[in-house]
C-alpha atoms as a PDB file:
ATOM      1  CA  MET A   1      -4.789 -47.738 -21.068  1.00  0.00           C
ATOM      2  CA  LYS A   2      -2.132 -46.534 -23.497  1.00  0.00           C
ATOM      3  CA  VAL A   3      -2.822 -43.502 -25.652  1.00  0.00           C
ATOM      4  CA  PRO A   4      -1.380 -43.620 -29.181  1.00  0.00           C
ATOM      5  CA  VAL A   5       1.532 -41.228 -29.637  1.00  0.00           C
ATOM      6  CA  LYS A   6      -0.140 -39.348 -32.491  1.00  0.00           C
ATOM      7  CA  LYS A   7      -3.331 -38.930 -30.461  1.00  0.00           C
ATOM      8  CA  ALA A   8      -1.399 -37.706 -27.428  1.00  0.00           C
ATOM      9  CA  VAL A   9       0.464 -35.165 -29.550  1.00  0.00           C
ATOM     10  CA  CYS A  10      -2.825 -33.965 -31.014  1.00  0.00           C
ATOM     11  CA  LEU A  11      -4.305 -33.529 -27.533  1.00  0.00           C
ATOM     12  CA  VAL A  12      -1.313 -31.458 -26.451  1.00  0.00           C
ATOM     13  CA  LEU A  13      -1.539 -29.297 -29.558  1.00  0.00           C
ATOM     14  CA  VAL A  14      -5.265 -28.763 -29.056  1.00  0.00           C
ATOM     15  CA  THR A  15      -4.700 -27.785 -25.422  1.00  0.00           C
ATOM     16  CA  LEU A  16      -1.957 -25.338 -26.364  1.00  0.00           C
ATOM     17  CA  SER A  17      -4.152 -23.885 -29.081  1.00  0.00           C
ATOM     18  CA  LEU A  18      -6.962 -23.336 -26.602  1.00  0.00           C
ATOM     19  CA  LEU A  19      -4.607 -21.643 -24.133  1.00  0.00           C
ATOM     20  CA  CYS A  20      -3.246 -19.408 -26.866  1.00  0.00           C
ATOM     21  CA  ALA A  21      -6.771 -18.562 -27.985  1.00  0.00           C
ATOM     22  CA  LEU A  22      -7.740 -17.637 -24.445  1.00  0.00           C
ATOM     23  CA  ARG A  23      -4.691 -15.397 -24.084  1.00  0.00           C
ATOM     24  CA  VAL A  24      -5.340 -13.719 -27.429  1.00  0.00           C
ATOM     25  CA  ASN A  25      -8.943 -13.181 -26.388  1.00  0.00           C
ATOM     26  CA  ALA A  26      -7.803 -11.683 -23.068  1.00  0.00           C
ATOM     27  CA  ALA A  27      -5.283  -9.479 -24.868  1.00  0.00           C
ATOM     28  CA  GLN A  28      -8.092  -8.028 -26.959  1.00  0.00           C
ATOM     29  CA  LYS A  29     -10.184  -7.098 -23.945  1.00  0.00           C
ATOM     30  CA  PRO A  30      -9.741  -3.902 -21.918  1.00  0.00           C
ATOM     31  CA  VAL A  31      -8.857  -3.738 -18.246  1.00  0.00           C
ATOM     32  CA  ALA A  32     -11.436  -2.205 -15.924  1.00  0.00           C
ATOM     33  CA  VAL A  33     -10.051   0.097 -13.232  1.00  0.00           C
ATOM     34  CA  PHE A  34     -12.310   1.043 -10.327  1.00  0.00           C
ATOM     35  CA  LEU A  35     -11.579   4.183  -8.301  1.00  0.00           C
ATOM     36  CA  SER A  36     -12.988   4.339  -4.787  1.00  0.00           C
ATOM     37  CA  LYS A  37     -12.850   8.142  -4.870  1.00  0.00           C
ATOM     38  CA  GLU A  38     -11.593  10.875  -7.156  1.00  0.00           C
ATOM     39  CA  ILE A  39      -8.676  12.007  -5.007  1.00  0.00           C
ATOM     40  CA  ALA A  40      -5.183  12.976  -6.116  1.00  0.00           C
ATOM     41  CA  PRO A  41      -3.284   9.833  -4.942  1.00  0.00           C
ATOM     42  CA  TYR A  42      -5.763   7.517  -6.695  1.00  0.00           C
ATOM     43  CA  VAL A  43      -5.693   9.568  -9.900  1.00  0.00           C
ATOM     44  CA  LEU A  44      -1.884   9.609  -9.931  1.00  0.00           C
ATOM     45  CA  MET A  45      -1.834   5.846  -9.412  1.00  0.00           C
ATOM     46  CA  LEU A  46      -4.282   5.445 -12.303  1.00  0.00           C
ATOM     47  CA  GLU A  47      -2.084   7.580 -14.560  1.00  0.00           C
ATOM     48  CA  GLY A  48       0.924   5.403 -13.769  1.00  0.00           C
ATOM     49  CA  LEU A  49      -1.080   2.261 -14.480  1.00  0.00           C
ATOM     50  CA  GLU A  50      -2.435   3.521 -17.809  1.00  0.00           C
ATOM     51  CA  LYS A  51       1.012   4.627 -18.960  1.00  0.00           C
ATOM     52  CA  LYS A  52       2.560   1.263 -18.145  1.00  0.00           C
ATOM     53  CA  LEU A  53      -0.330  -0.968 -19.240  1.00  0.00           C
ATOM     54  CA  GLN A  54       0.097  -0.535 -22.973  1.00  0.00           C
ATOM     55  CA  GLN A  55      -1.113  -3.947 -24.171  1.00  0.00           C
ATOM     56  CA  HIS A  56      -4.629  -3.348 -22.893  1.00  0.00           C
ATOM     57  CA  PRO A  57      -6.896  -0.319 -23.152  1.00  0.00           C
ATOM     58  CA  VAL A  58      -8.146   0.891 -19.757  1.00  0.00           C
ATOM     59  CA  GLU A  59     -11.727   1.784 -18.928  1.00  0.00           C
ATOM     60  CA  ARG A  60     -12.302   3.807 -15.772  1.00  0.00           C
ATOM     61  CA  PHE A  61     -15.154   3.031 -13.411  1.00  0.00           C
ATOM     62  CA  PHE A  62     -16.360   5.047 -10.457  1.00  0.00           C
ATOM     63  CA  LEU A  63     -18.737   4.238  -7.601  1.00  0.00           C
ATOM     64  CA  ASP A  64     -21.756   6.444  -7.002  1.00  0.00           C
ATOM     65  CA  GLN A  65     -23.260   7.314  -3.605  1.00  0.00           C
ATOM     66  CA  ASN A  66     -25.001   3.922  -3.597  1.00  0.00           C
ATOM     67  CA  ASN A  67     -21.716   2.105  -4.372  1.00  0.00           C
ATOM     68  CA  GLN A  68     -22.955   1.283  -7.861  1.00  0.00           C
ATOM     69  CA  PRO A  69     -20.449   1.441 -10.740  1.00  0.00           C
ATOM     70  CA  TYR A  70     -20.645   3.847 -13.623  1.00  0.00           C
ATOM     71  CA  SER A  71     -18.272   4.734 -16.432  1.00  0.00           C
ATOM     72  CA  LEU A  72     -17.985   7.647 -18.823  1.00  0.00           C
ATOM     73  CA  THR A  73     -16.159   5.549 -21.418  1.00  0.00           C
ATOM     74  CA  ALA A  74     -17.409   1.955 -21.180  1.00  0.00           C
ATOM     75  CA  ALA A  75     -19.560   0.759 -24.063  1.00  0.00           C
ATOM     76  CA  SER A  76     -21.969  -1.119 -21.767  1.00  0.00           C
ATOM     77  CA  VAL A  77     -24.105   0.239 -18.983  1.00  0.00           C
ATOM     78  CA  GLY A  78     -22.807  -0.926 -15.611  1.00  0.00           C
ATOM     79  CA  PHE A  79     -20.042  -3.469 -15.165  1.00  0.00           C
ATOM     80  CA  ARG A  80     -20.001  -6.759 -17.098  1.00  0.00           C
ATOM     81  CA  PRO A  81     -17.007  -8.836 -15.939  1.00  0.00           C
ATOM     82  CA  ASP A  82     -16.985 -11.004 -19.069  1.00  0.00           C
ATOM     83  CA  ALA A  83     -16.194  -7.910 -21.135  1.00  0.00           C
ATOM     84  CA  TYR A  84     -12.825  -7.354 -19.436  1.00  0.00           C
ATOM     85  CA  ALA A  85      -9.503  -9.162 -19.215  1.00  0.00           C
ATOM     86  CA  ALA A  86      -9.045  -8.109 -15.585  1.00  0.00           C
ATOM     87  CA  ALA A  87     -10.194  -5.548 -13.024  1.00  0.00           C
ATOM     88  CA  VAL A  88      -8.040  -3.370 -10.782  1.00  0.00           C
ATOM     89  CA  ALA A  89      -9.416  -1.915  -7.552  1.00  0.00           C
ATOM     90  CA  VAL A  90      -7.938   1.407  -6.458  1.00  0.00           C
ATOM     91  CA  GLY A  91      -8.785   1.924  -2.800  1.00  0.00           C
ATOM     92  CA  PRO A  92     -10.818  -0.168  -0.318  1.00  0.00           C
ATOM     93  CA  LEU A  93     -14.338   0.681  -1.517  1.00  0.00           C
ATOM     94  CA  ALA A  94     -13.506  -0.499  -5.020  1.00  0.00           C
ATOM     95  CA  LEU A  95     -11.999  -3.736  -3.707  1.00  0.00           C
ATOM     96  CA  ARG A  96     -15.084  -4.482  -1.610  1.00  0.00           C
ATOM     97  CA  TYR A  97     -17.184  -4.092  -4.738  1.00  0.00           C
ATOM     98  CA  LEU A  98     -14.937  -6.220  -6.955  1.00  0.00           C
ATOM     99  CA  ALA A  99     -14.122  -9.006  -4.483  1.00  0.00           C
ATOM    100  CA  PRO A 100     -17.174 -11.163  -5.365  1.00  0.00           C
ATOM    101  CA  TYR A 101     -16.240 -10.981  -9.070  1.00  0.00           C
ATOM    102  CA  SER A 102     -12.804 -12.545  -8.478  1.00  0.00           C
ATOM    103  CA  GLN A 103     -14.308 -15.961  -9.248  1.00  0.00           C
ATOM    104  CA  GLN A 104     -15.201 -14.721 -12.749  1.00  0.00           C
ATOM    105  CA  ILE A 105     -12.355 -12.354 -13.618  1.00  0.00           C
ATOM    106  CA  PRO A 106      -8.820 -11.677 -12.337  1.00  0.00           C
ATOM    107  CA  VAL A 107      -9.031  -8.944  -9.676  1.00  0.00           C
ATOM    108  CA  LEU A 108      -6.033  -6.972  -8.445  1.00  0.00           C
ATOM    109  CA  TYR A 109      -5.773  -4.115  -5.946  1.00  0.00           C
ATOM    110  CA  GLY A 110      -3.711  -1.015  -5.345  1.00  0.00           C
ATOM    111  CA  MET A 111      -3.500   1.751  -2.726  1.00  0.00           C
ATOM    112  CA  ILE A 112      -4.963  -0.345   0.110  1.00  0.00           C
ATOM    113  CA  LEU A 113      -3.378  -0.546   3.557  1.00  0.00           C
ATOM    114  CA  ASP A 114      -4.821  -3.875   4.727  1.00  0.00           C
ATOM    115  CA  PRO A 115      -6.291  -5.808   1.768  1.00  0.00           C
ATOM    116  CA  GLU A 116      -6.477  -8.970   3.904  1.00  0.00           C
ATOM    117  CA  ARG A 117      -9.213  -7.320   5.988  1.00  0.00           C
ATOM    118  CA  ILE A 118     -11.326  -7.090   2.831  1.00  0.00           C
ATOM    119  CA  LEU A 119     -10.261 -10.234   0.983  1.00  0.00           C
ATOM    120  CA  ASP A 120     -10.646 -13.481   2.877  1.00  0.00           C
ATOM    121  CA  PRO A 121      -7.437 -15.387   1.913  1.00  0.00           C
ATOM    122  CA  GLY A 122      -9.379 -18.649   2.094  1.00  0.00           C
ATOM    123  CA  VAL A 123     -11.821 -17.461  -0.555  1.00  0.00           C
ATOM    124  CA  TYR A 124     -10.079 -14.883  -2.728  1.00  0.00           C
ATOM    125  CA  LYS A 125      -6.628 -14.610  -4.231  1.00  0.00           C
ATOM    126  CA  ALA A 126      -4.886 -11.441  -3.059  1.00  0.00           C
ATOM    127  CA  CYS A 127      -2.935  -9.906  -5.951  1.00  0.00           C
ATOM    128  CA  GLY A 128      -1.694  -6.343  -5.981  1.00  0.00           C
ATOM    129  CA  VAL A 129       0.228  -3.498  -4.377  1.00  0.00           C
ATOM    130  CA  GLY A 130      -0.700  -2.521  -0.838  1.00  0.00           C
ATOM    131  CA  LEU A 131       0.184   0.563   1.176  1.00  0.00           C
ATOM    132  CA  GLY A 132       1.839  -1.314   3.994  1.00  0.00           C
ATOM    133  CA  LEU A 133       5.586  -1.470   4.525  1.00  0.00           C
ATOM    134  CA  SER A 134       7.079  -4.393   6.398  1.00  0.00           C
ATOM    135  CA  VAL A 135       8.687  -3.551   9.737  1.00  0.00           C
ATOM    136  CA  GLU A 136      12.023  -4.890   8.515  1.00  0.00           C
ATOM    137  CA  ARG A 137      11.970  -2.643   5.468  1.00  0.00           C
ATOM    138  CA  GLN A 138      11.032   0.406   7.562  1.00  0.00           C
ATOM    139  CA  MET A 139      13.768  -0.223  10.118  1.00  0.00           C
ATOM    140  CA  GLN A 140      16.421  -0.863   7.483  1.00  0.00           C
ATOM    141  CA  THR A 141      15.465   2.353   5.693  1.00  0.00           C
ATOM    142  CA  LEU A 142      15.588   4.333   8.946  1.00  0.00           C
ATOM    143  CA  GLN A 143      19.020   2.898   9.739  1.00  0.00           C
ATOM    144  CA  GLN A 144      20.262   4.252   6.420  1.00  0.00           C
ATOM    145  CA  GLY A 145      18.850   7.712   7.155  1.00  0.00           C
ATOM    146  CA  LEU A 146      19.731   7.662  10.870  1.00  0.00           C
ATOM    147  CA  PRO A 147      22.855   5.515  11.330  1.00  0.00           C
ATOM    148  CA  GLY A 148      23.021   6.271  15.059  1.00  0.00           C
ATOM    149  CA  LEU A 149      19.469   5.127  15.730  1.00  0.00           C
ATOM    150  CA  SER A 150      19.250   2.667  18.618  1.00  0.00           C
ATOM    151  CA  ARG A 151      16.022   3.534  20.500  1.00  0.00           C
ATOM    152  CA  LEU A 152      12.925   4.427  18.491  1.00  0.00           C
ATOM    153  CA  GLY A 153       9.692   5.607  20.102  1.00  0.00           C
ATOM    154  CA  VAL A 154       6.454   4.504  18.422  1.00  0.00           C
ATOM    155  CA  PHE A 155       3.119   6.338  18.730  1.00  0.00           C
ATOM    156  CA  TYR A 156       0.199   3.931  18.703  1.00  0.00           C
ATOM    157  CA  ASP A 157      -3.070   3.034  20.429  1.00  0.00           C
ATOM    158  CA  PRO A 158      -2.781  -0.400  22.106  1.00  0.00           C
ATOM    159  CA  ALA A 159      -6.427  -1.081  21.287  1.00  0.00           C
ATOM    160  CA  ASN A 160      -5.577  -0.895  17.580  1.00  0.00           C
ATOM    161  CA  ASN A 161      -1.943  -1.881  17.179  1.00  0.00           C
ATOM    162  CA  GLN A 162      -0.612  -3.736  20.238  1.00  0.00           C
ATOM    163  CA  SER A 163      -0.091  -6.940  18.239  1.00  0.00           C
ATOM    164  CA  TRP A 164       1.746  -4.949  15.558  1.00  0.00           C
ATOM    165  CA  PHE A 165       3.991  -3.356  18.182  1.00  0.00           C
ATOM    166  CA  ASP A 166       4.771  -6.707  19.818  1.00  0.00           C
ATOM    167  CA  SER A 167       5.813  -8.334  16.539  1.00  0.00           C
ATOM    168  CA  ALA A 168       7.633  -5.191  15.367  1.00  0.00           C
ATOM    169  CA  THR A 169       9.638  -5.147  18.605  1.00  0.00           C
ATOM    170  CA  GLN A 170      11.150  -8.531  17.777  1.00  0.00           C
ATOM    171  CA  VAL A 171      11.977  -7.577  14.183  1.00  0.00           C
ATOM    172  CA  ALA A 172      13.545  -4.274  15.217  1.00  0.00           C
ATOM    173  CA  ALA A 173      15.585  -5.982  17.950  1.00  0.00           C
ATOM    174  CA  SER A 174      17.090  -8.324  15.358  1.00  0.00           C
ATOM    175  CA  LEU A 175      18.390  -5.193  13.602  1.00  0.00           C
ATOM    176  CA  GLY A 176      19.730  -3.637  16.791  1.00  0.00           C
ATOM    177  CA  ILE A 177      16.876  -1.170  17.392  1.00  0.00           C
ATOM    178  CA  GLU A 178      14.857  -1.020  20.605  1.00  0.00           C
ATOM    179  CA  LEU A 179      11.246   0.074  20.153  1.00  0.00           C
ATOM    180  CA  VAL A 180       9.924   2.220  22.997  1.00  0.00           C
ATOM    181  CA  PRO A 181       6.129   2.438  23.368  1.00  0.00           C
ATOM    182  CA  PHE A 182       4.398   5.826  23.297  1.00  0.00           C
ATOM    183  CA  GLU A 183       0.854   4.731  23.998  1.00  0.00           C
ATOM    184  CA  VAL A 184      -1.928   7.041  22.873  1.00  0.00           C
ATOM    185  CA  GLN A 185      -5.364   6.476  24.375  1.00  0.00           C
ATOM    186  CA  ARG A 186      -8.646   8.349  24.486  1.00  0.00           C
ATOM    187  CA  VAL A 187      -9.587   9.310  28.043  1.00  0.00           C
ATOM    188  CA  GLY A 188     -12.800  11.250  28.569  1.00  0.00           C
ATOM    189  CA  GLY A 189     -12.838  12.510  25.010  1.00  0.00           C
ATOM    190  CA  LYS A 190      -9.204  13.616  25.160  1.00  0.00           C
ATOM    191  CA  LEU A 191      -6.010  11.916  24.019  1.00  0.00           C
ATOM    192  CA  ASP A 192      -3.530  10.823  26.664  1.00  0.00           C
ATOM    193  CA  VAL A 193       0.070  10.180  25.529  1.00  0.00           C
ATOM    194  CA  SER A 194       2.403   8.219  27.779  1.00  0.00           C
ATOM    195  CA  GLY A 195       6.067   7.595  27.018  1.00  0.00           C
ATOM    196  CA  ASP A 196       9.609   8.467  28.093  1.00  0.00           C
ATOM    197  CA  TRP A 197      10.917  11.184  25.775  1.00  0.00           C
ATOM    198  CA  LYS A 198      14.424  10.982  27.271  1.00  0.00           C
ATOM    199  CA  ARG A 199      14.847   7.305  26.343  1.00  0.00           C
ATOM    200  CA  VAL A 200      14.485   7.694  22.588  1.00  0.00           C
ATOM    201  CA  ASP A 201      16.599   8.997  19.706  1.00  0.00           C
ATOM    202  CA  ALA A 202      13.607   9.588  17.411  1.00  0.00           C
ATOM    203  CA  LEU A 203       9.854   8.951  17.233  1.00  0.00           C
ATOM    204  CA  LEU A 204       7.798   7.135  14.629  1.00  0.00           C
ATOM    205  CA  PHE A 205       4.151   7.565  13.688  1.00  0.00           C
ATOM    206  CA  ILE A 206       2.400   4.514  12.249  1.00  0.00           C
ATOM    207  CA  PRO A 207      -1.051   4.478  10.606  1.00  0.00           C
ATOM    208  CA  ASP A 208      -3.447   4.281  13.575  1.00  0.00           C
ATOM    209  CA  LYS A 209      -7.080   5.360  13.464  1.00  0.00           C
ATOM    210  CA  THR A 210      -6.826   6.927  16.929  1.00  0.00           C
ATOM    211  CA  ILE A 211      -4.031   9.248  15.783  1.00  0.00           C
ATOM    212  CA  ILE A 212      -5.360  10.659  12.526  1.00  0.00           C
ATOM    213  CA  SER A 213      -6.431  14.129  13.630  1.00  0.00           C
ATOM    214  CA  LYS A 214      -4.292  16.843  12.043  1.00  0.00           C
ATOM    215  CA  THR A 215      -4.481  18.835  15.277  1.00  0.00           C
ATOM    216  CA  VAL A 216      -3.245  15.878  17.351  1.00  0.00           C
ATOM    217  CA  ILE A 217      -0.406  15.081  14.933  1.00  0.00           C
ATOM    218  CA  GLN A 218       0.767  18.712  14.853  1.00  0.00           C
ATOM    219  CA  TYR A 219       0.592  18.939  18.650  1.00  0.00           C
ATOM    220  CA  VAL A 220       2.670  15.784  19.146  1.00  0.00           C
ATOM    221  CA  ILE A 221       5.264  16.913  16.590  1.00  0.00           C
ATOM    222  CA  LYS A 222       5.532  20.273  18.368  1.00  0.00           C
ATOM    223  CA  GLN A 223       6.105  18.527  21.701  1.00  0.00           C
ATOM    224  CA  ALA A 224       8.761  16.319  20.091  1.00  0.00           C
ATOM    225  CA  LEU A 225      10.568  19.346  18.688  1.00  0.00           C
ATOM    226  CA  LEU A 226      10.523  20.962  22.125  1.00  0.00           C
ATOM    227  CA  GLN A 227      12.140  17.759  23.413  1.00  0.00           C
ATOM    228  CA  HIS A 228      14.716  18.027  20.614  1.00  0.00           C
ATOM    229  CA  LYS A 229      13.555  14.727  19.076  1.00  0.00           C
ATOM    230  CA  PRO A 230      13.128  14.145  15.315  1.00  0.00           C
ATOM    231  CA  VAL A 231       9.801  12.658  14.211  1.00  0.00           C
ATOM    232  CA  ILE A 232       9.209  10.248  11.324  1.00  0.00           C
ATOM    233  CA  GLY A 233       5.804  10.267   9.600  1.00  0.00           C
ATOM    234  CA  TYR A 234       4.229   8.457   6.691  1.00  0.00           C
ATOM    235  CA  ASN A 235       3.010  11.095   4.223  1.00  0.00           C
ATOM    236  CA  GLN A 236       3.614  14.655   3.037  1.00  0.00           C
ATOM    237  CA  PHE A 237       1.401  16.149   5.758  1.00  0.00           C
ATOM    238  CA  PHE A 238       3.909  15.057   8.416  1.00  0.00           C
ATOM    239  CA  LEU A 239       6.750  16.815   6.609  1.00  0.00           C
ATOM    240  CA  ASP A 240       4.662  19.961   6.246  1.00  0.00           C
ATOM    241  CA  SER A 241       3.851  19.770   9.972  1.00  0.00           C
ATOM    242  CA  GLY A 242       7.462  19.586  11.126  1.00  0.00           C
ATOM    243  CA  ALA A 243       8.502  15.928  10.907  1.00  0.00           C
ATOM    244  CA  ALA A 244      12.201  15.406  10.218  1.00  0.00           C
ATOM    245  CA  PHE A 245      11.534  12.454   7.904  1.00  0.00           C
ATOM    246  CA  SER A 246       8.535  10.879   6.236  1.00  0.00           C
ATOM    247  CA  PHE A 247       7.905   7.773   4.209  1.00  0.00           C
ATOM    248  CA  ILE A 248       6.508   9.118   0.924  1.00  0.00           C
ATOM    249  CA  PHE A 249       4.813   6.754  -1.499  1.00  0.00           C
ATOM    250  CA  ASP A 250       5.365   7.111  -5.242  1.00  0.00           C
ATOM    251  CA  TYR A 251       1.745   6.941  -6.429  1.00  0.00           C
ATOM    252  CA  VAL A 252       2.614   6.936 -10.129  1.00  0.00           C
ATOM    253  CA  GLY A 253       5.178   4.228  -9.441  1.00  0.00           C
ATOM    254  CA  ILE A 254       2.574   2.161  -7.580  1.00  0.00           C
ATOM    255  CA  GLY A 255       0.368   2.385 -10.670  1.00  0.00           C
ATOM    256  CA  ALA A 256       3.243   1.065 -12.782  1.00  0.00           C
ATOM    257  CA  GLN A 257       3.737  -1.769 -10.284  1.00  0.00           C
ATOM    258  CA  ALA A 258       0.033  -2.672 -10.501  1.00  0.00           C
ATOM    259  CA  ALA A 259       0.216  -2.637 -14.301  1.00  0.00           C
ATOM    260  CA  ALA A 260       3.198  -5.002 -14.276  1.00  0.00           C
ATOM    261  CA  LEU A 261       1.359  -7.391 -11.943  1.00  0.00           C
ATOM    262  CA  THR A 262      -1.703  -7.251 -14.201  1.00  0.00           C
ATOM    263  CA  GLU A 263       0.362  -8.156 -17.263  1.00  0.00           C
ATOM    264  CA  GLU A 264       2.087 -10.959 -15.331  1.00  0.00           C
ATOM    265  CA  LEU A 265      -1.235 -12.364 -14.132  1.00  0.00           C
ATOM    266  CA  LEU A 266      -2.780 -12.341 -17.601  1.00  0.00           C
ATOM    267  CA  ALA A 267       0.324 -13.838 -19.233  1.00  0.00           C
ATOM    268  CA  THR A 268       1.197 -16.536 -16.700  1.00  0.00           C
ATOM    269  CA  GLY A 269      -1.612 -16.756 -14.150  1.00  0.00           C
ATOM    270  CA  ALA A 270       0.821 -15.760 -11.367  1.00  0.00           C
ATOM    271  CA  CYS A 271      -0.852 -13.936  -8.490  1.00  0.00           C
ATOM    272  CA  SER A 272       1.665 -11.719  -6.678  1.00  0.00           C
ATOM    273  CA  LYS A 273       1.625  -9.321  -3.721  1.00  0.00           C
ATOM    274  CA  ILE A 274       4.342  -6.680  -3.467  1.00  0.00           C
ATOM    275  CA  GLU A 275       5.163  -3.669  -1.294  1.00  0.00           C
ATOM    276  CA  PRO A 276       4.821  -0.170  -2.760  1.00  0.00           C
ATOM    277  CA  VAL A 277       7.679   1.961  -4.038  1.00  0.00           C
ATOM    278  CA  PHE A 278       8.549   4.817  -1.683  1.00  0.00           C
ATOM    279  CA  GLU A 279      11.273   7.141  -0.482  1.00  0.00           C
ATOM    280  CA  LEU A 280      12.309   8.404   2.948  1.00  0.00           C
ATOM    281  CA  ARG A 281      12.170  12.150   2.399  1.00  0.00           C
ATOM    282  CA  GLU A 282      14.058  14.582   4.646  1.00  0.00           C
ATOM    283  CA  ASN A 283      12.877  17.950   5.978  1.00  0.00           C
ATOM    284  CA  ALA A 284      16.119  19.935   5.852  1.00  0.00           C
ATOM    285  CA  ASP A 285      14.621  22.922   7.709  1.00  0.00           C
ATOM    286  CA  VAL A 286      13.752  20.771  10.713  1.00  0.00           C
ATOM    287  CA  TRP A 287      17.270  19.306  10.853  1.00  0.00           C
ATOM    288  CA  LYS A 288      18.604  22.872  11.038  1.00  0.00           C
ATOM    289  CA  ILE A 289      16.136  23.788  13.795  1.00  0.00           C
ATOM    290  CA  LEU A 290      17.135  20.716  15.804  1.00  0.00           C
ATOM    291  CA  ASN A 291      20.813  21.482  15.141  1.00  0.00           C
ATOM    292  CA  LEU A 292      21.410  17.828  14.368  1.00  0.00           C
ATOM    293  CA  PRO A 293      23.808  16.336  11.808  1.00  0.00           C
ATOM    294  CA  SER A 294      22.278  16.104   8.356  1.00  0.00           C
ATOM    295  CA  ALA A 295      20.471  12.898   7.477  1.00  0.00           C
ATOM    296  CA  GLY A 296      22.976  10.121   6.963  1.00  0.00           C
ATOM    297  CA  GLY A 297      25.349  11.697   9.453  1.00  0.00           C
ATOM    298  CA  GLY A 298      23.988   9.981  12.546  1.00  0.00           C
ATOM    299  CA  LEU A 299      22.240  11.230  15.667  1.00  0.00           C
END
């Protein structure tokens, strides 16, 4: 059946008008931001998001001890998804709460290490900024800071991260770096670390729930220093504890990234996942103690 040209044009115009109306309506609504906890990294991320997200007012929500939302600024009691253009989850608890609402409202996340463990990709769209760095990006960054790096020890518990280590080994090898396992396991309530210190140029900590104790991390770093080996960590605590390098996330920058993704999603419907902004920060005092060339000068 042929549709008259004038009628077809009218249908297109009506459709465009409806889309424009929906976007205008969304632009008039605020964005709800849920914080899992009131901790400094989350607050800094929120500040970056609010500063960047200028087209939409932001209303902050928190979760009480029963994981129920409350807000000090929202006009309504509780959370009504139809009142918001989108919702941003900061931290895993907030994402678990918001995930079921993703069928009613665009939901994005920030400051989450493994969002896929919370969001079933077959059910929910995963849009946001995680806290995970790809192995390739980590290795390339380390090569810039340590040009002579050829053998890198990795602390991990095989029960938690053996699959990660296996896949990372292949990626690192393609860049000319051999990963050497330093397996950490609990034996009789104590941690047992096995690995060949003499084989490696440096040692890398990865996020692993077995190796999160401050005492354990400081002990391992001390042993590495005694072996004259630089350690790479993944937050400021590692630098303060004697690591030579650490991957430091820019929390305010991550908030700005999340804001940009929110604007993109509302404007175009595009659902994107990106890695967080970070820097590889050097501990100059440790380099002096180790009597090694400064970062960028090789090993």
